[in-house]
Amino acid sequence: EGLGEVYLNPDEKYRIRVSPPANPVNVNLLLLDVGDLERIQVVKPEWNTVTKTWDYPGIVPLLQFNDVSITTEKTVTIKNQGKYYLCADDRKESGVNDAVIRVPVRVTRV
C-alpha cells in the first residue's frame, strides 16, 4: 500500500534499503507474503548456529535482513502476484518492551 499498489505482480523488481533504528536495537527485516502475516506474530525467531542467521520456523520470507546494524540494500524479484508486507522484528533482543521503534526503510521499484 505504501507503494500505491494493491498487489505486486510477477517479475516486478524492488530495491529495499534498511537502516538501523536510532536506538541501539538490532532488528530483523522480513518481506513476507500475506499468508505469513499472521504466523509471524506467533513464531519466535531462532538462531541457526550452522547458517549464522535467524530462522522463523514455518515461514519462508521472500527477503530477510538479519541484525540490521548498518544500512543495507537488497533487490527482490516478485514471483507470484499478491500482497506483501515488510515486518521489522526485534523480539530476539532481551529486555525489549512494547516501545515503538522506527526502522528507516525505503522501497523503490527498479
Protein backbone atom coordinates (compact mmCIF):
# COMPACT_ATOMS: atom_id res chain seq x y z
CA GLU A 1 0.00 0.00 0.00
CA GLY A 2 2.91 2.32 0.72
CA LEU A 3 3.95 1.94 -2.92
CA GLY A 4 0.49 2.87 -4.16
CA GLU A 5 -0.09 -0.69 -5.39
CA VAL A 6 -2.78 -3.13 -4.32
CA TYR A 7 -0.84 -6.20 -5.45
CA LEU A 8 2.73 -6.81 -6.55
CA ASN A 9 3.00 -8.68 -9.84
CA PRO A 10 5.35 -11.38 -11.16
CA ASP A 11 8.74 -10.22 -12.49
CA GLU A 12 8.50 -6.81 -10.81
CA LYS A 13 11.75 -5.90 -9.06
CA TYR A 14 12.03 -3.85 -5.89
CA ARG A 15 15.05 -2.48 -4.08
CA ILE A 16 14.70 -2.47 -0.32
CA ARG A 17 17.06 -0.35 1.75
CA VAL A 18 17.01 -0.56 5.53
CA SER A 19 18.96 1.43 8.09
CA PRO A 20 19.36 0.68 11.78
CA PRO A 21 16.90 2.31 14.17
CA ALA A 22 18.08 5.31 16.18
CA ASN A 23 18.00 3.37 19.44
CA PRO A 24 20.58 0.58 19.86
CA VAL A 25 18.37 -2.40 18.95
CA ASN A 26 19.25 -4.75 16.12
CA VAL A 27 16.18 -5.76 14.16
CA ASN A 28 15.45 -8.33 11.50
CA LEU A 29 13.52 -7.06 8.49
CA LEU A 30 11.46 -9.60 6.57
CA LEU A 31 9.46 -9.33 3.36
CA LEU A 32 6.50 -11.68 3.77
CA ASP A 33 3.57 -12.67 1.63
CA VAL A 34 0.07 -12.31 3.04
CA GLY A 35 -0.01 -16.00 4.05
CA ASP A 36 2.77 -15.49 6.60
CA LEU A 37 1.42 -12.26 8.09
CA GLU A 38 -0.45 -13.95 10.96
CA ARG A 39 2.24 -16.59 11.53
CA ILE A 40 4.97 -14.01 12.14
CA GLN A 41 3.03 -12.82 15.16
CA VAL A 42 3.31 -16.20 16.91
CA VAL A 43 6.56 -17.67 15.54
CA LYS A 44 9.64 -16.61 17.50
CA PRO A 45 12.99 -16.24 15.74
CA GLU A 46 15.53 -18.98 16.42
CA TRP A 47 19.28 -18.61 15.93
CA ASN A 48 20.64 -21.12 13.41
CA THR A 49 24.17 -21.99 14.51
CA VAL A 50 25.02 -23.56 11.15
CA THR A 51 24.00 -20.71 8.82
CA LYS A 52 24.54 -17.97 11.44
CA THR A 53 21.17 -16.43 10.63
CA TRP A 54 17.78 -16.09 12.29
CA ASP A 55 15.20 -18.70 11.27
CA TYR A 56 11.45 -18.37 11.56
CA PRO A 57 10.07 -21.95 11.67
CA GLY A 58 7.30 -22.44 9.12
CA ILE A 59 7.88 -19.05 7.48
CA VAL A 60 9.78 -18.52 4.25
CA PRO A 61 10.49 -14.81 3.80
CA LEU A 62 10.96 -13.57 0.24
CA LEU A 63 13.78 -11.44 1.59
CA GLN A 64 15.37 -11.17 5.01
CA PHE A 65 17.84 -8.78 6.60
CA ASN A 66 19.38 -10.12 9.83
CA ASP A 67 20.58 -7.93 12.71
CA VAL A 68 20.43 -4.61 10.89
CA SER A 69 23.33 -2.61 12.32
CA ILE A 70 24.40 -0.78 9.16
CA THR A 71 22.49 0.49 6.15
CA THR A 72 21.93 -2.46 3.83
CA GLU A 73 20.24 -2.83 0.46
CA LYS A 74 18.88 -5.85 -1.43
CA THR A 75 16.82 -6.37 -4.57
CA VAL A 76 13.95 -8.84 -4.79
CA THR A 77 12.05 -10.14 -7.82
CA ILE A 78 8.39 -10.93 -7.21
CA LYS A 79 7.47 -14.46 -8.29
CA ASN A 80 3.72 -14.58 -7.55
CA GLN A 81 1.06 -11.89 -7.69
CA GLY A 82 -0.13 -10.96 -4.24
CA LYS A 83 0.06 -8.74 -1.18
CA TYR A 84 3.37 -8.47 0.63
CA TYR A 85 4.35 -6.96 3.95
CA LEU A 86 7.57 -5.67 5.46
CA CYS A 87 7.98 -6.72 9.07
CA ALA A 88 10.63 -5.33 11.43
CA ASP A 89 11.19 -7.81 14.25
CA ASP A 90 13.10 -7.03 17.45
CA ARG A 91 11.79 -9.92 19.58
CA LYS A 92 15.20 -11.61 19.69
CA GLU A 93 16.55 -8.73 21.79
CA SER A 94 16.46 -9.27 25.53
CA GLY A 95 14.74 -6.65 27.61
CA VAL A 96 12.73 -5.23 24.71
CA ASN A 97 9.44 -3.78 25.84
CA ASP A 98 6.40 -2.51 23.99
CA ALA A 99 8.15 0.67 22.82
CA VAL A 100 7.62 1.67 19.20
CA ILE A 101 10.86 1.50 17.24
CA ARG A 102 11.15 3.39 13.97
CA VAL A 103 13.15 1.47 11.40
CA PRO A 104 14.13 3.55 8.34
CA VAL A 105 13.12 1.58 5.23
CA ARG A 106 12.96 2.71 1.63
CA VAL A 107 11.36 0.61 -1.12
CA THR A 108 11.76 1.56 -4.79
CA ARG A 109 10.72 -0.21 -7.94
CA VAL A 110 13.57 -0.99 -10.30
